[in-house]
Amino acid sequence: MKGGNTKNMDKAFVKVKCPDCGNEQIIFLRASTVVKCQVCGATIATPTGGKADIRGEIVEVYS
């Protein structure tokens, strides 16, 4: 899924690719805390009060 299209994804986990190092990790789409890359520490997602602002590419969606 390219372009960060999060339409029609209500309660889901997503695999996100870090924009800095390329590491892929699974995060909750409605994250309530800042999510950092486990490898390089870059911010991958920030909370917005609803769906998180995903800064990397969404690679896969798990629902």
PDB file of N, CA and C in Angstrom:
ATOM      1  N   MET A   1       0.838  -1.159   0.000  1.00  0.00           N
ATOM      2  CA  MET A   1       0.000   0.000   0.000  1.00  0.00           C
ATOM      3  C   MET A   1       0.892   1.233   0.000  1.00  0.00           C
ATOM      4  N   LYS A   2       0.870   1.973  -1.055  1.00  0.00           N
ATOM      5  CA  LYS A   2       1.763   3.115  -1.169  1.00  0.00           C
ATOM      6  C   LYS A   2       1.034   4.412  -0.882  1.00  0.00           C
ATOM      7  N   GLY A   3       1.777   5.417  -0.508  1.00  0.00           N
ATOM      8  CA  GLY A   3       1.229   6.737  -0.316  1.00  0.00           C
ATOM      9  C   GLY A   3       0.573   6.953   1.028  1.00  0.00           C
ATOM     10  N   GLY A   4       0.654   5.983   1.926  1.00  0.00           N
ATOM     11  CA  GLY A   4       0.087   6.163   3.251  1.00  0.00           C
ATOM     12  C   GLY A   4      -1.422   6.231   3.248  1.00  0.00           C
ATOM     13  N   ASN A   5      -2.087   5.617   2.282  1.00  0.00           N
ATOM     14  CA  ASN A   5      -3.539   5.638   2.219  1.00  0.00           C
ATOM     15  C   ASN A   5      -4.110   4.823   3.369  1.00  0.00           C
ATOM     16  N   THR A   6      -4.714   5.508   4.346  1.00  0.00           N
ATOM     17  CA  THR A   6      -5.252   4.812   5.511  1.00  0.00           C
ATOM     18  C   THR A   6      -6.770   4.817   5.515  1.00  0.00           C
ATOM     19  N   LYS A   7      -7.389   5.083   4.378  1.00  0.00           N
ATOM     20  CA  LYS A   7      -8.842   5.030   4.272  1.00  0.00           C
ATOM     21  C   LYS A   7      -9.311   3.596   4.505  1.00  0.00           C
ATOM     22  N   ASN A   8     -10.451   3.444   5.122  1.00  0.00           N
ATOM     23  CA  ASN A   8     -11.078   2.143   5.350  1.00  0.00           C
ATOM     24  C   ASN A   8     -10.261   1.214   6.249  1.00  0.00           C
ATOM     25  N   MET A   9      -9.318   1.742   7.003  1.00  0.00           N
ATOM     26  CA  MET A   9      -8.561   0.931   7.952  1.00  0.00           C
ATOM     27  C   MET A   9      -8.883   1.464   9.334  1.00  0.00           C
ATOM     28  N   ASP A  10      -9.845   0.839  10.001  1.00  0.00           N
ATOM     29  CA  ASP A  10     -10.291   1.368  11.280  1.00  0.00           C
ATOM     30  C   ASP A  10      -9.379   0.915  12.410  1.00  0.00           C
ATOM     31  N   LYS A  11      -9.438  -0.347  12.772  1.00  0.00           N
ATOM     32  CA  LYS A  11      -8.608  -0.885  13.852  1.00  0.00           C
ATOM     33  C   LYS A  11      -7.648  -1.870  13.216  1.00  0.00           C
ATOM     34  N   ALA A  12      -6.425  -1.440  13.039  1.00  0.00           N
ATOM     35  CA  ALA A  12      -5.490  -2.293  12.314  1.00  0.00           C
ATOM     36  C   ALA A  12      -4.066  -2.083  12.783  1.00  0.00           C
ATOM     37  N   PHE A  13      -3.303  -3.124  12.611  1.00  0.00           N
ATOM     38  CA  PHE A  13      -1.866  -3.031  12.765  1.00  0.00           C
ATOM     39  C   PHE A  13      -1.307  -2.904  11.360  1.00  0.00           C
ATOM     40  N   VAL A  14      -0.253  -2.148  11.205  1.00  0.00           N
ATOM     41  CA  VAL A  14       0.359  -1.965   9.892  1.00  0.00           C
ATOM     42  C   VAL A  14       1.863  -2.191   9.982  1.00  0.00           C
ATOM     43  N   LYS A  15       2.425  -2.714   8.905  1.00  0.00           N
ATOM     44  CA  LYS A  15       3.877  -2.843   8.816  1.00  0.00           C
ATOM     45  C   LYS A  15       4.371  -1.595   8.109  1.00  0.00           C
ATOM     46  N   VAL A  16       5.265  -0.862   8.771  1.00  0.00           N
ATOM     47  CA  VAL A  16       5.759   0.413   8.260  1.00  0.00           C
ATOM     48  C   VAL A  16       7.260   0.321   8.008  1.00  0.00           C
ATOM     49  N   LYS A  17       7.688   0.871   6.892  1.00  0.00           N
ATOM     50  CA  LYS A  17       9.114   0.902   6.542  1.00  0.00           C
ATOM     51  C   LYS A  17       9.691   2.238   6.989  1.00  0.00           C
ATOM     52  N   CYS A  18      10.754   2.180   7.770  1.00  0.00           N
ATOM     53  CA  CYS A  18      11.421   3.389   8.263  1.00  0.00           C
ATOM     54  C   CYS A  18      11.974   4.185   7.080  1.00  0.00           C
ATOM     55  N   PRO A  19      11.678   5.493   7.021  1.00  0.00           N
ATOM     56  CA  PRO A  19      12.185   6.290   5.904  1.00  0.00           C
ATOM     57  C   PRO A  19      13.702   6.520   5.954  1.00  0.00           C
ATOM     58  N   ASP A  20      14.311   6.344   7.112  1.00  0.00           N
ATOM     59  CA  ASP A  20      15.753   6.580   7.247  1.00  0.00           C
ATOM     60  C   ASP A  20      16.606   5.347   6.960  1.00  0.00           C
ATOM     61  N   CYS A  21      16.245   4.207   7.587  1.00  0.00           N
ATOM     62  CA  CYS A  21      17.115   3.032   7.455  1.00  0.00           C
ATOM     63  C   CYS A  21      16.479   1.864   6.700  1.00  0.00           C
ATOM     64  N   GLY A  22      15.168   1.931   6.440  1.00  0.00           N
ATOM     65  CA  GLY A  22      14.509   0.859   5.695  1.00  0.00           C
ATOM     66  C   GLY A  22      14.023  -0.296   6.550  1.00  0.00           C
ATOM     67  N   ASN A  23      14.238  -0.245   7.865  1.00  0.00           N
ATOM     68  CA  ASN A  23      13.754  -1.298   8.748  1.00  0.00           C
ATOM     69  C   ASN A  23      12.229  -1.335   8.707  1.00  0.00           C
ATOM     70  N   GLU A  24      11.660  -2.536   8.722  1.00  0.00           N
ATOM     71  CA  GLU A  24      10.211  -2.681   8.748  1.00  0.00           C
ATOM     72  C   GLU A  24       9.782  -3.187  10.114  1.00  0.00           C
ATOM     73  N   GLN A  25       8.746  -2.556  10.679  1.00  0.00           N
ATOM     74  CA  GLN A  25       8.202  -3.019  11.953  1.00  0.00           C
ATOM     75  C   GLN A  25       6.709  -2.808  11.974  1.00  0.00           C
ATOM     76  N   ILE A  26       6.040  -3.594  12.794  1.00  0.00           N
ATOM     77  CA  ILE A  26       4.588  -3.558  12.895  1.00  0.00           C
ATOM     78  C   ILE A  26       4.193  -2.620  14.028  1.00  0.00           C
ATOM     79  N   ILE A  27       3.271  -1.693  13.723  1.00  0.00           N
ATOM     80  CA  ILE A  27       2.779  -0.747  14.731  1.00  0.00           C
ATOM     81  C   ILE A  27       1.259  -0.692  14.662  1.00  0.00           C
ATOM     82  N   PHE A  28       0.642  -0.164  15.719  1.00  0.00           N
ATOM     83  CA  PHE A  28      -0.797   0.014  15.757  1.00  0.00           C
ATOM     84  C   PHE A  28      -1.136   1.309  15.036  1.00  0.00           C
ATOM     85  N   LEU A  29      -2.121   1.273  14.131  1.00  0.00           N
ATOM     86  CA  LEU A  29      -2.476   2.440  13.332  1.00  0.00           C
ATOM     87  C   LEU A  29      -2.925   3.609  14.192  1.00  0.00           C
ATOM     88  N   ARG A  30      -3.554   3.337  15.324  1.00  0.00           N
ATOM     89  CA  ARG A  30      -4.030   4.394  16.222  1.00  0.00           C
ATOM     90  C   ARG A  30      -3.101   4.526  17.428  1.00  0.00           C
ATOM     91  N   ALA A  31      -1.814   4.588  17.175  1.00  0.00           N
ATOM     92  CA  ALA A  31      -0.821   4.689  18.247  1.00  0.00           C
ATOM     93  C   ALA A  31      -1.066   5.940  19.084  1.00  0.00           C
ATOM     94  N   SER A  32      -0.989   5.795  20.411  1.00  0.00           N
ATOM     95  CA  SER A  32      -1.223   6.937  21.302  1.00  0.00           C
ATOM     96  C   SER A  32       0.085   7.507  21.851  1.00  0.00           C
ATOM     97  N   THR A  33       1.188   6.933  21.455  1.00  0.00           N
ATOM     98  CA  THR A  33       2.509   7.452  21.835  1.00  0.00           C
ATOM     99  C   THR A  33       3.378   7.518  20.586  1.00  0.00           C
ATOM    100  N   VAL A  34       4.455   8.271  20.666  1.00  0.00           N
ATOM    101  CA  VAL A  34       5.388   8.363  19.543  1.00  0.00           C
ATOM    102  C   VAL A  34       6.037   6.993  19.343  1.00  0.00           C
ATOM    103  N   VAL A  35       6.088   6.544  18.093  1.00  0.00           N
ATOM    104  CA  VAL A  35       6.708   5.258  17.769  1.00  0.00           C
ATOM    105  C   VAL A  35       8.019   5.538  17.054  1.00  0.00           C
ATOM    106  N   LYS A  36       9.102   4.961  17.585  1.00  0.00           N
ATOM    107  CA  LYS A  36      10.430   5.156  17.001  1.00  0.00           C
ATOM    108  C   LYS A  36      10.929   3.849  16.389  1.00  0.00           C
ATOM    109  N   CYS A  37      11.770   3.977  15.391  1.00  0.00           N
ATOM    110  CA  CYS A  37      12.386   2.816  14.741  1.00  0.00           C
ATOM    111  C   CYS A  37      13.249   2.079  15.758  1.00  0.00           C
ATOM    112  N   GLN A  38      13.146   0.761  15.762  1.00  0.00           N
ATOM    113  CA  GLN A  38      13.917  -0.046  16.698  1.00  0.00           C
ATOM    114  C   GLN A  38      15.393  -0.102  16.330  1.00  0.00           C
ATOM    115  N   VAL A  39      15.738   0.228  15.096  1.00  0.00           N
ATOM    116  CA  VAL A  39      17.123   0.150  14.645  1.00  0.00           C
ATOM    117  C   VAL A  39      17.840   1.498  14.764  1.00  0.00           C
ATOM    118  N   CYS A  40      17.258   2.547  14.166  1.00  0.00           N
ATOM    119  CA  CYS A  40      17.972   3.826  14.112  1.00  0.00           C
ATOM    120  C   CYS A  40      17.385   4.898  15.029  1.00  0.00           C
ATOM    121  N   GLY A  41      16.196   4.671  15.573  1.00  0.00           N
ATOM    122  CA  GLY A  41      15.602   5.624  16.502  1.00  0.00           C
ATOM    123  C   GLY A  41      14.828   6.759  15.856  1.00  0.00           C
ATOM    124  N   ALA A  42      14.674   6.743  14.537  1.00  0.00           N
ATOM    125  CA  ALA A  42      13.904   7.781  13.850  1.00  0.00           C
ATOM    126  C   ALA A  42      12.427   7.650  14.209  1.00  0.00           C
ATOM    127  N   THR A  43      11.704   8.758  14.212  1.00  0.00           N
ATOM    128  CA  THR A  43      10.269   8.735  14.500  1.00  0.00           C
ATOM    129  C   THR A  43       9.524   8.185  13.295  1.00  0.00           C
ATOM    130  N   ILE A  44       8.728   7.130  13.540  1.00  0.00           N
ATOM    131  CA  ILE A  44       7.958   6.496  12.474  1.00  0.00           C
ATOM    132  C   ILE A  44       6.508   6.958  12.499  1.00  0.00           C
ATOM    133  N   ALA A  45       5.965   7.174  13.712  1.00  0.00           N
ATOM    134  CA  ALA A  45       4.576   7.597  13.830  1.00  0.00           C
ATOM    135  C   ALA A  45       4.403   8.499  15.041  1.00  0.00           C
ATOM    136  N   THR A  46       3.529   9.483  14.886  1.00  0.00           N
ATOM    137  CA  THR A  46       3.201  10.376  16.001  1.00  0.00           C
ATOM    138  C   THR A  46       1.692  10.365  16.198  1.00  0.00           C
ATOM    139  N   PRO A  47       1.239  10.427  17.455  1.00  0.00           N
ATOM    140  CA  PRO A  47      -0.201  10.394  17.722  1.00  0.00           C
ATOM    141  C   PRO A  47      -0.866  11.709  17.308  1.00  0.00           C
ATOM    142  N   THR A  48      -2.129  11.603  16.895  1.00  0.00           N
ATOM    143  CA  THR A  48      -2.878  12.797  16.490  1.00  0.00           C
ATOM    144  C   THR A  48      -4.224  12.883  17.190  1.00  0.00           C
ATOM    145  N   GLY A  49      -4.523  11.974  18.076  1.00  0.00           N
ATOM    146  CA  GLY A  49      -5.823  11.934  18.723  1.00  0.00           C
ATOM    147  C   GLY A  49      -6.765  10.970  18.025  1.00  0.00           C
ATOM    148  N   GLY A  50      -6.353  10.457  16.895  1.00  0.00           N
ATOM    149  CA  GLY A  50      -7.105   9.469  16.117  1.00  0.00           C
ATOM    150  C   GLY A  50      -6.089   8.534  15.503  1.00  0.00           C
ATOM    151  N   LYS A  51      -6.117   8.437  14.199  1.00  0.00           N
ATOM    152  CA  LYS A  51      -5.107   7.639  13.512  1.00  0.00           C
ATOM    153  C   LYS A  51      -3.772   8.362  13.594  1.00  0.00           C
ATOM    154  N   ALA A  52      -2.729   7.606  13.823  1.00  0.00           N
ATOM    155  CA  ALA A  52      -1.397   8.197  13.958  1.00  0.00           C
ATOM    156  C   ALA A  52      -0.924   8.763  12.625  1.00  0.00           C
ATOM    157  N   ASP A  53      -0.056   9.754  12.698  1.00  0.00           N
ATOM    158  CA  ASP A  53       0.582  10.317  11.515  1.00  0.00           C
ATOM    159  C   ASP A  53       1.774   9.423  11.184  1.00  0.00           C
ATOM    160  N   ILE A  54       1.636   8.596  10.158  1.00  0.00           N
ATOM    161  CA  ILE A  54       2.662   7.640   9.769  1.00  0.00           C
ATOM    162  C   ILE A  54       3.665   8.343   8.851  1.00  0.00           C
ATOM    163  N   ARG A  55       4.939   8.319   9.236  1.00  0.00           N
ATOM    164  CA  ARG A  55       5.967   9.024   8.451  1.00  0.00           C
ATOM    165  C   ARG A  55       6.680   8.116   7.464  1.00  0.00           C
ATOM    166  N   GLY A  56       6.544   6.816   7.639  1.00  0.00           N
ATOM    167  CA  GLY A  56       7.166   5.881   6.701  1.00  0.00           C
ATOM    168  C   GLY A  56       6.139   5.336   5.723  1.00  0.00           C
ATOM    169  N   GLU A  57       6.572   4.432   4.864  1.00  0.00           N
ATOM    170  CA  GLU A  57       5.686   3.806   3.899  1.00  0.00           C
ATOM    171  C   GLU A  57       4.967   2.626   4.544  1.00  0.00           C
ATOM    172  N   ILE A  58       3.647   2.557   4.379  1.00  0.00           N
ATOM    173  CA  ILE A  58       2.874   1.409   4.861  1.00  0.00           C
ATOM    174  C   ILE A  58       3.077   0.285   3.874  1.00  0.00           C
ATOM    175  N   VAL A  59       3.677  -0.804   4.341  1.00  0.00           N
ATOM    176  CA  VAL A  59       4.026  -1.922   3.488  1.00  0.00           C
ATOM    177  C   VAL A  59       2.907  -2.966   3.455  1.00  0.00           C
ATOM    178  N   GLU A  60       2.286  -3.208   4.616  1.00  0.00           N
ATOM    179  CA  GLU A  60       1.263  -4.246   4.731  1.00  0.00           C
ATOM    180  C   GLU A  60       0.281  -3.863   5.820  1.00  0.00           C
ATOM    181  N   VAL A  61      -0.973  -4.308   5.685  1.00  0.00           N
ATOM    182  CA  VAL A  61      -2.014  -4.013   6.669  1.00  0.00           C
ATOM    183  C   VAL A  61      -2.509  -5.323   7.271  1.00  0.00           C
ATOM    184  N   TYR A  62      -2.584  -5.358   8.584  1.00  0.00           N
ATOM    185  CA  TYR A  62      -3.122  -6.511   9.314  1.00  0.00           C
ATOM    186  C   TYR A  62      -4.361  -6.026  10.060  1.00  0.00           C
ATOM    187  N   SER A  63      -5.476  -6.736   9.912  1.00  0.00           N
ATOM    188  CA  SER A  63      -6.677  -6.303  10.627  1.00  0.00           C
ATOM    189  C   SER A  63      -7.268  -7.416  11.457  1.00  0.00           C
TER     190      SER A  63
END
